[in-house]
C-alpha cells in the first residue's frame, strides 16, 4: 500500500498544483536542457554499470559489460513496485544466471553499498556551502566517511568478510583491489555522481529561471537527497523522501509549489528512463562469465 501512496503523491503534485505552478515557470521551456538532462541520466546508468563490472573484477569475476548492465539496472525498476526485498532477490537471480556466486555478489554489494553511502554523503555535503542550515544534519558525515574508507580498505574488508563468512561456515571471498584500484573506483564513482547531478540541474534549467549558484548547488544536492532517500528503508527507491530533501533545499530559492513540481517531475523522468532502458535490457542475453582477466 505504501508504494501506491508514494506514487500517487508524486503524480498528484503535478496535477493539483499545475495551475499555480505554470505561471511561475518560464514561458518557453528549454528543451535543449531537457535533452541534455536525459542524456546525462542515461550516461549515469551505463557508467555505473562499468564501475560495477570493475569492482566485480576484484572478486575474480569477469562478466560481459551488457550483462552487468542488465544485472544492475533491472532491480532498480523492480525497486519501485515490490520494494527493496524483491529488488535484491531479482539482483541475485540475474547474477546467478550469469554465473556469479552468491558469495561474490554479497561481497560486491557490501563494497558497493559502503562506497555509495560514503561518496554520496561526501559529494552531497558540498551543498552545505550553499545552504549552511543543512550543516546541522551533516555534522557526522566526515567521521562516517573516514570510518567507511577504513572499512573498505582491502585488508580490513577481507578480515571482516572472512569473519562473516566463517559464521555461516562458508569459504571467504577475497577483495583483490590495491590502492590504485581503490582510488580508481572512488574517482570513477564521483564522475558518475557529477553526471547525475548535472542531469538534475539541467532539468531544473528546463523549466525554471535559475542562476548559476542554484545550478551548481543542485549538482551536489541531488546526490545528498538520493542517499537520504536510499537509506529510508521502508520507502520504495526513497520515493517521497528524496523529493522532501530537494523541496526543503529548493524552496529557499524558488516558490514551494515550483520546488514540489520540479522534484516530482524529475522523478517521473527518471522512472520513464528506467522503463525504456529496462526494455533494452530484456534484449540482453545473460551468459556465463568469460575467463578471468587481470586485476588493476
Protein backbone atom coordinates (compact mmCIF):
# COMPACT_ATOMS: atom_id res chain seq x y z
CA UNK A 1 0.00 0.00 0.00
CA UNK A 2 2.83 2.42 0.83
CA UNK A 3 4.15 2.12 -2.73
CA UNK A 4 0.82 3.11 -4.22
CA UNK A 5 0.51 6.04 -1.83
CA UNK A 6 4.01 7.29 -2.62
CA UNK A 7 3.46 7.04 -6.38
CA UNK A 8 0.10 8.76 -6.07
CA UNK A 9 1.75 11.56 -4.10
CA UNK A 10 4.12 12.36 -6.97
CA UNK A 11 1.53 12.42 -9.73
CA UNK A 12 -0.97 14.26 -7.55
CA UNK A 13 1.56 17.06 -7.07
CA UNK A 14 1.78 17.63 -10.80
CA UNK A 15 -2.00 17.68 -11.32
CA UNK A 16 -3.07 19.56 -8.18
CA UNK A 17 -0.59 22.41 -8.36
CA UNK A 18 -0.21 22.77 -12.12
CA UNK A 19 -2.46 25.82 -12.25
CA UNK A 20 -0.41 27.59 -9.58
CA UNK A 21 2.97 26.40 -10.83
CA UNK A 22 2.53 27.16 -14.52
CA UNK A 23 2.76 30.97 -14.23
CA UNK A 24 5.95 30.68 -12.16
CA UNK A 25 7.71 28.54 -14.76
CA UNK A 26 9.46 30.04 -17.74
CA UNK A 27 7.09 30.56 -20.66
CA UNK A 28 9.26 28.69 -23.16
CA UNK A 29 10.86 25.59 -21.63
CA UNK A 30 14.45 24.99 -22.71
CA UNK A 31 14.10 21.63 -24.40
CA UNK A 32 17.81 21.50 -25.18
CA UNK A 33 18.40 21.41 -21.42
CA UNK A 34 15.81 18.65 -21.08
CA UNK A 35 17.54 16.58 -23.76
CA UNK A 36 20.89 17.15 -22.04
CA UNK A 37 19.33 16.08 -18.73
CA UNK A 38 18.06 12.82 -20.24
CA UNK A 39 21.38 12.10 -21.99
CA UNK A 40 23.33 12.60 -18.76
CA UNK A 41 20.94 10.37 -16.82
CA UNK A 42 21.28 7.59 -19.37
CA UNK A 43 25.06 8.05 -19.29
CA UNK A 44 24.95 7.72 -15.50
CA UNK A 45 23.30 4.29 -15.65
CA UNK A 46 25.77 2.97 -18.23
CA UNK A 47 28.69 4.50 -16.34
CA UNK A 48 27.69 2.92 -13.02
CA UNK A 49 27.44 -0.48 -14.72
CA UNK A 50 31.01 0.00 -15.92
CA UNK A 51 32.13 0.69 -12.34
CA UNK A 52 30.18 -2.34 -11.08
CA UNK A 53 31.98 -4.55 -13.61
CA UNK A 54 35.28 -3.09 -12.47
CA UNK A 55 34.52 -3.84 -8.80
CA UNK A 56 33.44 -7.38 -9.66
CA UNK A 57 36.80 -7.95 -11.35
CA UNK A 58 38.48 -7.61 -7.95
CA UNK A 59 36.43 -10.61 -6.81
CA UNK A 60 37.81 -12.74 -9.66
CA UNK A 61 34.56 -12.32 -11.60
CA UNK A 62 34.61 -11.31 -15.25
CA UNK A 63 31.19 -10.67 -16.75
CA UNK A 64 30.37 -9.06 -20.09
CA UNK A 65 29.57 -5.39 -19.74
CA UNK A 66 26.00 -5.54 -21.07
CA UNK A 67 25.21 -8.45 -18.76
CA UNK A 68 26.40 -6.41 -15.77
CA UNK A 69 24.30 -3.51 -17.04
CA UNK A 70 21.22 -5.73 -17.01
CA UNK A 71 22.03 -7.16 -13.57
CA UNK A 72 22.46 -3.68 -12.09
CA UNK A 73 19.64 -1.80 -13.84
CA UNK A 74 16.62 -4.11 -13.79
CA UNK A 75 16.43 -4.35 -9.97
CA UNK A 76 16.27 -0.54 -9.81
CA UNK A 77 12.95 -0.60 -11.66
CA UNK A 78 11.74 -3.56 -9.59
CA UNK A 79 12.53 -1.46 -6.51
CA UNK A 80 9.68 0.91 -7.38
CA UNK A 81 6.92 -1.67 -7.13
CA UNK A 82 7.69 -4.68 -4.91
CA UNK A 83 10.36 -2.79 -2.95
CA UNK A 84 13.91 -3.48 -1.77
CA UNK A 85 13.48 -7.13 -0.77
CA UNK A 86 12.30 -8.31 -4.18
CA UNK A 87 14.73 -5.91 -5.80
CA UNK A 88 17.63 -7.75 -4.15
CA UNK A 89 16.00 -11.09 -4.97
CA UNK A 90 15.91 -10.04 -8.61
CA UNK A 91 19.54 -8.92 -8.39
CA UNK A 92 20.70 -12.29 -7.04
CA UNK A 93 18.59 -14.17 -9.60
CA UNK A 94 20.15 -12.28 -12.51
CA UNK A 95 23.63 -12.62 -11.03
CA UNK A 96 23.16 -16.36 -10.56
CA UNK A 97 22.03 -16.71 -14.17
CA UNK A 98 25.30 -15.05 -15.21
CA UNK A 99 27.34 -17.47 -13.14
CA UNK A 100 28.17 -15.09 -10.28
CA UNK A 101 28.24 -16.93 -6.96
CA UNK A 102 26.09 -15.64 -4.13
CA UNK A 103 29.26 -15.15 -2.02
CA UNK A 104 30.82 -12.91 -4.65
CA UNK A 105 27.58 -10.98 -5.07
CA UNK A 106 27.19 -10.42 -1.33
CA UNK A 107 30.77 -9.17 -1.14
CA UNK A 108 30.24 -6.93 -4.17
CA UNK A 109 27.08 -5.48 -2.60
CA UNK A 110 28.97 -4.83 0.64
CA UNK A 111 31.74 -2.86 -1.07
CA UNK A 112 29.36 -1.11 -3.45
CA UNK A 113 26.93 -0.04 -0.74
CA UNK A 114 29.64 1.36 1.51
CA UNK A 115 31.09 3.34 -1.40
CA UNK A 116 27.63 4.56 -2.41
CA UNK A 117 26.76 5.84 1.06
CA UNK A 118 30.16 7.39 1.74
CA UNK A 119 30.72 9.16 -1.55
CA UNK A 120 27.10 10.31 -1.81
CA UNK A 121 27.39 11.93 1.62
CA UNK A 122 30.79 13.40 0.79
CA UNK A 123 29.69 14.71 -2.60
CA UNK A 124 26.35 15.90 -1.29
CA UNK A 125 27.93 17.66 1.68
CA UNK A 126 29.14 20.38 -0.69
CA UNK A 127 25.51 21.59 -0.58
CA UNK A 128 26.28 22.99 2.89
CA UNK A 129 28.32 25.77 1.28
CA UNK A 130 25.11 26.96 -0.40
CA UNK A 131 22.72 26.08 2.42
CA UNK A 132 24.51 26.37 5.79
CA UNK A 133 21.32 25.25 7.59
CA UNK A 134 21.98 21.71 6.33
CA UNK A 135 25.23 21.59 8.30
CA UNK A 136 23.33 20.52 11.42
CA UNK A 137 22.21 17.33 9.68
CA UNK A 138 25.60 16.54 8.12
CA UNK A 139 27.91 17.10 11.07
CA UNK A 140 28.66 13.39 11.37
CA UNK A 141 29.42 12.95 7.65
CA UNK A 142 33.23 13.47 7.95
CA UNK A 143 33.57 10.86 10.72
CA UNK A 144 31.38 8.42 8.79
CA UNK A 145 33.48 8.94 5.67
CA UNK A 146 36.76 8.23 7.49
CA UNK A 147 35.30 5.10 9.13
CA UNK A 148 33.93 3.88 5.81
CA UNK A 149 37.18 4.39 3.93
CA UNK A 150 38.90 2.40 6.67
CA UNK A 151 36.32 -0.40 6.35
CA UNK A 152 36.60 -0.79 2.57
CA UNK A 153 40.39 -0.94 2.64
CA UNK A 154 41.03 -4.41 1.14
CA UNK A 155 42.99 -5.76 4.12
CA UNK A 156 40.30 -4.66 6.61
CA UNK A 157 37.38 -5.67 4.36
CA UNK A 158 38.84 -9.14 3.79
CA UNK A 159 39.20 -9.72 7.54
CA UNK A 160 35.64 -8.60 8.24
CA UNK A 161 34.36 -10.62 5.28
CA UNK A 162 36.25 -13.74 6.42
CA UNK A 163 34.73 -13.44 9.88
CA UNK A 164 31.23 -13.01 8.47
CA UNK A 165 31.50 -16.00 6.12
CA UNK A 166 33.00 -18.10 8.91
CA UNK A 167 29.82 -17.63 10.92
CA UNK A 168 27.90 -19.29 8.07
CA UNK A 169 30.64 -21.89 7.54
CA UNK A 170 31.41 -20.61 4.06
CA UNK A 171 34.74 -20.08 2.36
CA UNK A 172 35.63 -16.35 2.41
CA UNK A 173 35.82 -14.20 -0.71
CA UNK A 174 38.95 -12.11 -1.26
CA UNK A 175 38.79 -8.48 -2.40
CA UNK A 176 41.93 -8.10 -4.52
CA UNK A 177 41.92 -4.33 -5.00
CA UNK A 178 45.13 -2.45 -4.29
CA UNK A 179 45.48 1.26 -3.51
CA UNK A 180 45.45 2.21 -7.19
CA UNK A 181 42.34 0.15 -7.78
CA UNK A 182 40.50 1.74 -4.84
CA UNK A 183 41.44 5.24 -5.99
CA UNK A 184 40.14 4.37 -9.46
CA UNK A 185 36.84 3.06 -8.08
CA UNK A 186 36.28 6.15 -5.93
CA UNK A 187 37.26 8.57 -8.71
CA UNK A 188 35.07 6.89 -11.32
CA UNK A 189 32.13 6.86 -8.91
CA UNK A 190 32.47 10.60 -8.29
CA UNK A 191 32.39 11.18 -12.06
CA UNK A 192 29.11 9.27 -12.17
CA UNK A 193 27.60 11.33 -9.36
CA UNK A 194 28.66 14.54 -11.09
CA UNK A 195 26.91 13.41 -14.29
CA UNK A 196 23.76 12.51 -12.36
CA UNK A 197 23.81 15.84 -10.54
CA UNK A 198 24.26 17.72 -13.80
CA UNK A 199 21.28 15.83 -15.19
CA UNK A 200 19.14 17.15 -12.35
CA UNK A 201 20.47 20.70 -12.73
CA UNK A 202 19.72 20.73 -16.45
CA UNK A 203 16.20 19.52 -15.68
CA UNK A 204 15.71 22.49 -13.35
CA UNK A 205 17.07 24.78 -16.04
CA UNK A 206 14.48 23.41 -18.46
CA UNK A 207 11.50 24.81 -16.53
CA UNK A 208 12.81 27.38 -14.05
CA UNK A 209 14.82 30.56 -14.33
CA UNK A 210 17.70 29.60 -12.03
CA UNK A 211 21.05 31.32 -11.63
CA UNK A 212 24.50 29.71 -11.70
CA UNK A 213 24.60 29.25 -7.90
CA UNK A 214 21.39 27.19 -7.86
CA UNK A 215 22.59 25.23 -10.89
CA UNK A 216 25.87 24.30 -9.20
CA UNK A 217 24.24 23.63 -5.82
CA UNK A 218 21.73 21.27 -7.42
CA UNK A 219 24.54 19.07 -8.75
CA UNK A 220 25.54 18.22 -5.18
CA UNK A 221 22.04 18.47 -3.71
CA UNK A 222 20.73 15.58 -5.78
CA UNK A 223 23.43 13.23 -4.53
CA UNK A 224 22.59 14.12 -0.94
CA UNK A 225 18.84 13.75 -1.48
CA UNK A 226 19.29 10.42 -3.26
CA UNK A 227 21.30 8.81 -0.48
CA UNK A 228 18.93 10.05 2.24
CA UNK A 229 16.06 8.55 0.26
CA UNK A 230 18.06 5.36 -0.28
CA UNK A 231 18.64 4.96 3.44
CA UNK A 232 14.91 5.24 4.16
CA UNK A 233 14.32 1.51 4.02
CA UNK A 234 10.52 1.49 4.12
CA UNK A 235 10.02 3.66 1.03
CA UNK A 236 10.44 2.19 -2.48
CA UNK A 237 13.53 3.79 -4.08
CA UNK A 238 13.28 6.56 -1.48
CA UNK A 239 10.05 7.72 -3.11
CA UNK A 240 8.87 10.87 -1.37
CA UNK A 241 11.86 11.14 0.99
CA UNK A 242 14.26 12.22 -1.77
CA UNK A 243 11.69 14.72 -3.00
CA UNK A 244 11.29 16.10 0.51
CA UNK A 245 15.01 16.86 0.78
CA UNK A 246 15.03 18.53 -2.64
CA UNK A 247 11.96 20.61 -1.81
CA UNK A 248 13.49 21.68 1.51
CA UNK A 249 16.58 22.99 -0.29
CA UNK A 250 14.92 24.50 -3.38
CA UNK A 251 12.19 26.35 -1.50
CA UNK A 252 14.90 28.71 -0.28
CA UNK A 253 15.34 29.93 -3.86
CA UNK A 254 12.05 29.05 -5.57
CA UNK A 255 8.41 29.03 -4.52
CA UNK A 256 7.25 25.94 -2.65
CA UNK A 257 4.91 24.80 -5.42
CA UNK A 258 7.61 25.13 -8.09
CA UNK A 259 10.07 23.19 -5.92
CA UNK A 260 7.47 20.45 -5.46
CA UNK A 261 6.75 20.34 -9.18
CA UNK A 262 10.43 20.12 -10.17
CA UNK A 263 11.29 17.41 -7.63
CA UNK A 264 8.31 15.28 -8.65
CA UNK A 265 8.83 15.95 -12.35
CA UNK A 266 12.42 14.73 -12.29
CA UNK A 267 11.36 11.54 -10.53
CA UNK A 268 8.84 10.86 -13.30
CA UNK A 269 11.53 11.45 -15.95
CA UNK A 270 13.83 9.08 -14.08
CA UNK A 271 11.21 6.32 -13.93
CA UNK A 272 10.49 6.75 -17.65
CA UNK A 273 14.21 6.40 -18.48
CA UNK A 274 14.47 3.29 -16.29
CA UNK A 275 11.44 1.78 -18.02
CA UNK A 276 12.91 2.33 -21.50
CA UNK A 277 16.34 1.02 -20.50
CA UNK A 278 14.68 -2.00 -18.88
CA UNK A 279 13.06 -2.84 -22.21
CA UNK A 280 16.52 -2.68 -23.76
CA UNK A 281 17.80 -4.98 -21.01
CA UNK A 282 15.24 -7.61 -21.97
CA UNK A 283 17.10 -7.99 -25.28
CA UNK A 284 20.39 -8.73 -23.48
CA UNK A 285 21.14 -12.42 -23.18
CA UNK A 286 22.64 -13.43 -19.85
CA UNK A 287 25.65 -15.71 -20.42
CA UNK A 288 28.17 -17.46 -18.22
CA UNK A 289 31.30 -15.49 -17.29
CA UNK A 290 34.34 -15.29 -19.50
CA UNK A 291 37.84 -16.24 -18.47
CA UNK A 292 39.23 -14.20 -15.59
CA UNK A 293 41.22 -11.13 -16.62
CA UNK A 294 43.99 -9.29 -14.81
CA UNK A 295 43.41 -7.08 -11.80
CA UNK A 296 44.41 -3.42 -11.58
